[in-house]
């Protein structure tokens, strides 16, 4: 399982995955790394 945090003002990743392209790229990396489930929050 992996988590994509889409919160623009996140203290955790400072909104690194807020933009659509960044979120898609993060999701593809997580799947390539073996994630079976991805929780998209924000």
N, C-alpha and C. Protein backbone atom coordinates (compact mmCIF):
# COMPACT_ATOMS: atom_id res chain seq x y z
N UNK A 1 0.85 -1.18 0.00
CA UNK A 1 0.00 0.00 0.00
C UNK A 1 0.89 1.24 0.00
N UNK A 2 0.43 2.26 -0.71
CA UNK A 2 1.14 3.53 -0.76
C UNK A 2 0.12 4.67 -0.63
N UNK A 3 0.62 5.84 -0.29
CA UNK A 3 -0.26 7.00 -0.11
C UNK A 3 0.25 8.15 -0.97
N UNK A 4 -0.66 8.76 -1.73
CA UNK A 4 -0.37 9.98 -2.49
C UNK A 4 -1.11 11.11 -1.79
N UNK A 5 -0.36 12.01 -1.19
CA UNK A 5 -0.94 13.12 -0.45
C UNK A 5 -1.15 14.29 -1.40
N UNK A 6 -2.41 14.65 -1.67
CA UNK A 6 -2.72 15.73 -2.61
C UNK A 6 -3.04 17.04 -1.90
N UNK A 7 -2.69 17.17 -0.63
CA UNK A 7 -2.97 18.38 0.11
C UNK A 7 -1.93 19.45 -0.25
N UNK A 8 -2.36 20.61 -0.73
CA UNK A 8 -1.39 21.62 -1.18
C UNK A 8 -0.53 22.21 -0.07
N UNK A 9 -1.04 22.22 1.16
CA UNK A 9 -0.27 22.83 2.25
C UNK A 9 0.19 21.80 3.28
N UNK A 10 0.45 20.59 2.81
CA UNK A 10 0.86 19.51 3.69
C UNK A 10 2.19 19.81 4.36
N UNK A 11 2.25 19.60 5.67
CA UNK A 11 3.52 19.77 6.38
C UNK A 11 4.47 18.61 6.07
N UNK A 12 3.90 17.48 5.65
CA UNK A 12 4.71 16.28 5.41
C UNK A 12 5.57 16.41 4.15
N UNK A 13 4.95 16.73 3.03
CA UNK A 13 5.70 16.79 1.77
C UNK A 13 5.62 18.14 1.08
N UNK A 14 5.09 19.13 1.78
CA UNK A 14 4.98 20.51 1.27
C UNK A 14 4.24 20.59 -0.07
N UNK A 15 3.25 19.73 -0.26
CA UNK A 15 2.44 19.76 -1.47
C UNK A 15 3.13 19.22 -2.70
N UNK A 16 4.11 18.37 -2.52
CA UNK A 16 4.90 17.85 -3.65
C UNK A 16 4.06 17.12 -4.69
N UNK A 17 2.94 16.53 -4.29
CA UNK A 17 2.11 15.76 -5.22
C UNK A 17 0.77 16.42 -5.49
N UNK A 18 0.67 17.74 -5.26
CA UNK A 18 -0.60 18.42 -5.46
C UNK A 18 -0.95 18.56 -6.94
N UNK A 19 0.01 18.90 -7.77
CA UNK A 19 -0.25 19.06 -9.21
C UNK A 19 -0.60 17.71 -9.82
N UNK A 20 -1.50 17.71 -10.79
CA UNK A 20 -1.96 16.46 -11.41
C UNK A 20 -0.80 15.63 -11.96
N UNK A 21 0.11 16.27 -12.70
CA UNK A 21 1.23 15.53 -13.29
C UNK A 21 2.12 14.91 -12.23
N UNK A 22 2.38 15.64 -11.16
CA UNK A 22 3.22 15.11 -10.08
C UNK A 22 2.53 13.94 -9.38
N UNK A 23 1.23 14.04 -9.18
CA UNK A 23 0.49 12.95 -8.54
C UNK A 23 0.49 11.70 -9.41
N UNK A 24 0.30 11.89 -10.72
CA UNK A 24 0.34 10.74 -11.64
C UNK A 24 1.72 10.09 -11.64
N UNK A 25 2.77 10.91 -11.68
CA UNK A 25 4.13 10.37 -11.69
C UNK A 25 4.41 9.61 -10.39
N UNK A 26 3.99 10.15 -9.27
CA UNK A 26 4.19 9.48 -7.98
C UNK A 26 3.44 8.15 -7.96
N UNK A 27 2.22 8.14 -8.49
CA UNK A 27 1.43 6.92 -8.53
C UNK A 27 2.10 5.85 -9.39
N UNK A 28 2.61 6.24 -10.55
CA UNK A 28 3.30 5.29 -11.43
C UNK A 28 4.55 4.72 -10.74
N UNK A 29 5.31 5.57 -10.03
CA UNK A 29 6.49 5.09 -9.30
C UNK A 29 6.09 4.08 -8.23
N UNK A 30 5.02 4.37 -7.51
CA UNK A 30 4.57 3.48 -6.44
C UNK A 30 4.13 2.13 -6.98
N UNK A 31 3.43 2.13 -8.10
CA UNK A 31 3.01 0.87 -8.73
C UNK A 31 4.25 0.10 -9.20
N UNK A 32 5.20 0.80 -9.80
CA UNK A 32 6.43 0.15 -10.25
C UNK A 32 7.21 -0.44 -9.08
N UNK A 33 7.09 0.19 -7.91
CA UNK A 33 7.77 -0.30 -6.71
C UNK A 33 7.00 -1.41 -6.00
N UNK A 34 5.83 -1.78 -6.54
CA UNK A 34 5.10 -2.91 -6.00
C UNK A 34 3.83 -2.63 -5.22
N UNK A 35 3.38 -1.38 -5.19
CA UNK A 35 2.16 -1.06 -4.45
C UNK A 35 0.95 -1.71 -5.12
N UNK A 36 0.15 -2.40 -4.32
CA UNK A 36 -1.09 -3.01 -4.82
C UNK A 36 -2.28 -2.09 -4.62
N UNK A 37 -2.21 -1.25 -3.60
CA UNK A 37 -3.28 -0.32 -3.26
C UNK A 37 -2.66 1.06 -3.08
N UNK A 38 -3.31 2.08 -3.65
CA UNK A 38 -2.83 3.45 -3.47
C UNK A 38 -3.97 4.29 -2.91
N UNK A 39 -3.72 4.90 -1.77
CA UNK A 39 -4.68 5.77 -1.10
C UNK A 39 -4.36 7.20 -1.54
N UNK A 40 -5.31 7.83 -2.23
CA UNK A 40 -5.14 9.21 -2.67
C UNK A 40 -5.92 10.09 -1.71
N UNK A 41 -5.23 10.95 -1.01
CA UNK A 41 -5.89 11.80 -0.02
C UNK A 41 -5.62 13.27 -0.27
N UNK A 42 -6.49 14.07 0.25
CA UNK A 42 -6.28 15.50 0.15
C UNK A 42 -7.53 16.17 -0.19
